[in-house]
Amino acid sequence: MSGAGEAARKFFLEGQVQGVGCRAQIREKVANLGGLSGTVRNLSDGRVEVCVSGSREQLERLAGILKQG
């Protein structure tokens, strides 16, 4: 990553997250924040993995959104 303020984070979501449109909702939230890029995928153990990179500020905002559910 080129910017000094850039970082990467990995989040794991548990609970009822597969089969309910979770990945699409996360992609929409990431797009609305702007400046983030990454992937969202279902894991075989029932969790959803979110790998994103961008500014530290945007990653913290996303972390807060994901904690809300």
Protein backbone atom coordinates (compact mmCIF):
# COMPACT_ATOMS: atom_id res chain seq x y z
CA MET A 1 0.00 0.00 0.00
CA SER A 2 1.31 3.39 -0.90
CA GLY A 3 -0.29 5.78 1.61
CA ALA A 4 1.03 6.14 5.13
CA GLY A 5 -2.52 6.13 6.48
CA GLU A 6 -3.53 2.93 4.70
CA ALA A 7 -4.07 -0.39 6.41
CA ALA A 8 -5.77 -3.75 5.98
CA ARG A 9 -8.18 -5.54 8.31
CA LYS A 10 -9.84 -8.92 8.42
CA PHE A 11 -13.20 -9.39 10.14
CA PHE A 12 -15.07 -12.61 10.88
CA LEU A 13 -18.83 -12.44 11.31
CA GLU A 14 -20.70 -15.16 13.19
CA GLY A 15 -24.32 -16.00 13.80
CA GLN A 16 -26.99 -16.06 11.12
CA VAL A 17 -24.81 -14.60 8.40
CA GLN A 18 -25.07 -17.06 5.52
CA GLY A 19 -28.11 -17.28 3.30
CA VAL A 20 -29.54 -13.95 4.48
CA GLY A 21 -27.86 -11.55 2.05
CA CYS A 22 -25.05 -10.69 4.46
CA ARG A 23 -22.33 -10.51 1.79
CA ALA A 24 -24.40 -8.20 -0.40
CA GLN A 25 -25.21 -5.94 2.55
CA ILE A 26 -21.54 -5.73 3.52
CA ARG A 27 -20.52 -4.91 -0.06
CA GLU A 28 -23.09 -2.10 -0.07
CA LYS A 29 -21.81 -0.71 3.26
CA VAL A 30 -18.22 -0.80 1.99
CA ALA A 31 -19.24 0.95 -1.23
CA ASN A 32 -21.10 3.64 0.75
CA LEU A 33 -18.01 4.33 2.85
CA GLY A 34 -15.87 4.78 -0.25
CA GLY A 35 -12.13 4.36 -0.41
CA LEU A 36 -12.14 0.71 0.71
CA SER A 37 -11.50 -2.40 -1.35
CA GLY A 38 -11.50 -6.07 -0.55
CA THR A 39 -13.45 -9.31 -0.52
CA VAL A 40 -16.33 -10.90 1.35
CA ARG A 41 -16.78 -14.67 1.38
CA ASN A 42 -18.64 -17.45 3.14
CA LEU A 43 -16.50 -19.87 5.13
CA SER A 44 -17.20 -23.57 5.49
CA ASP A 45 -17.72 -23.19 9.26
CA GLY A 46 -20.72 -20.85 8.76
CA ARG A 47 -18.92 -17.55 9.30
CA VAL A 48 -18.40 -14.74 6.79
CA GLU A 49 -14.89 -13.38 6.26
CA VAL A 50 -14.41 -9.72 5.31
CA CYS A 51 -10.93 -8.66 4.12
CA VAL A 52 -10.62 -4.94 3.39
CA SER A 53 -7.97 -2.31 2.88
CA GLY A 54 -8.10 1.46 2.89
CA SER A 55 -7.60 4.36 5.23
CA ARG A 56 -7.46 3.62 8.94
CA GLU A 57 -10.38 5.99 9.51
CA GLN A 58 -12.58 4.16 6.99
CA LEU A 59 -11.61 0.78 8.46
CA GLU A 60 -12.60 1.96 11.93
CA ARG A 61 -15.94 3.21 10.59
CA LEU A 62 -16.53 -0.16 8.93
CA ALA A 63 -15.62 -1.97 12.17
CA GLY A 64 -18.27 0.03 13.98
CA ILE A 65 -20.87 -0.74 11.34
CA LEU A 66 -20.09 -4.46 11.43
CA LYS A 67 -20.33 -4.54 15.24
CA GLN A 68 -23.88 -3.15 14.97
CA GLY A 69 -24.88 -6.16 12.87
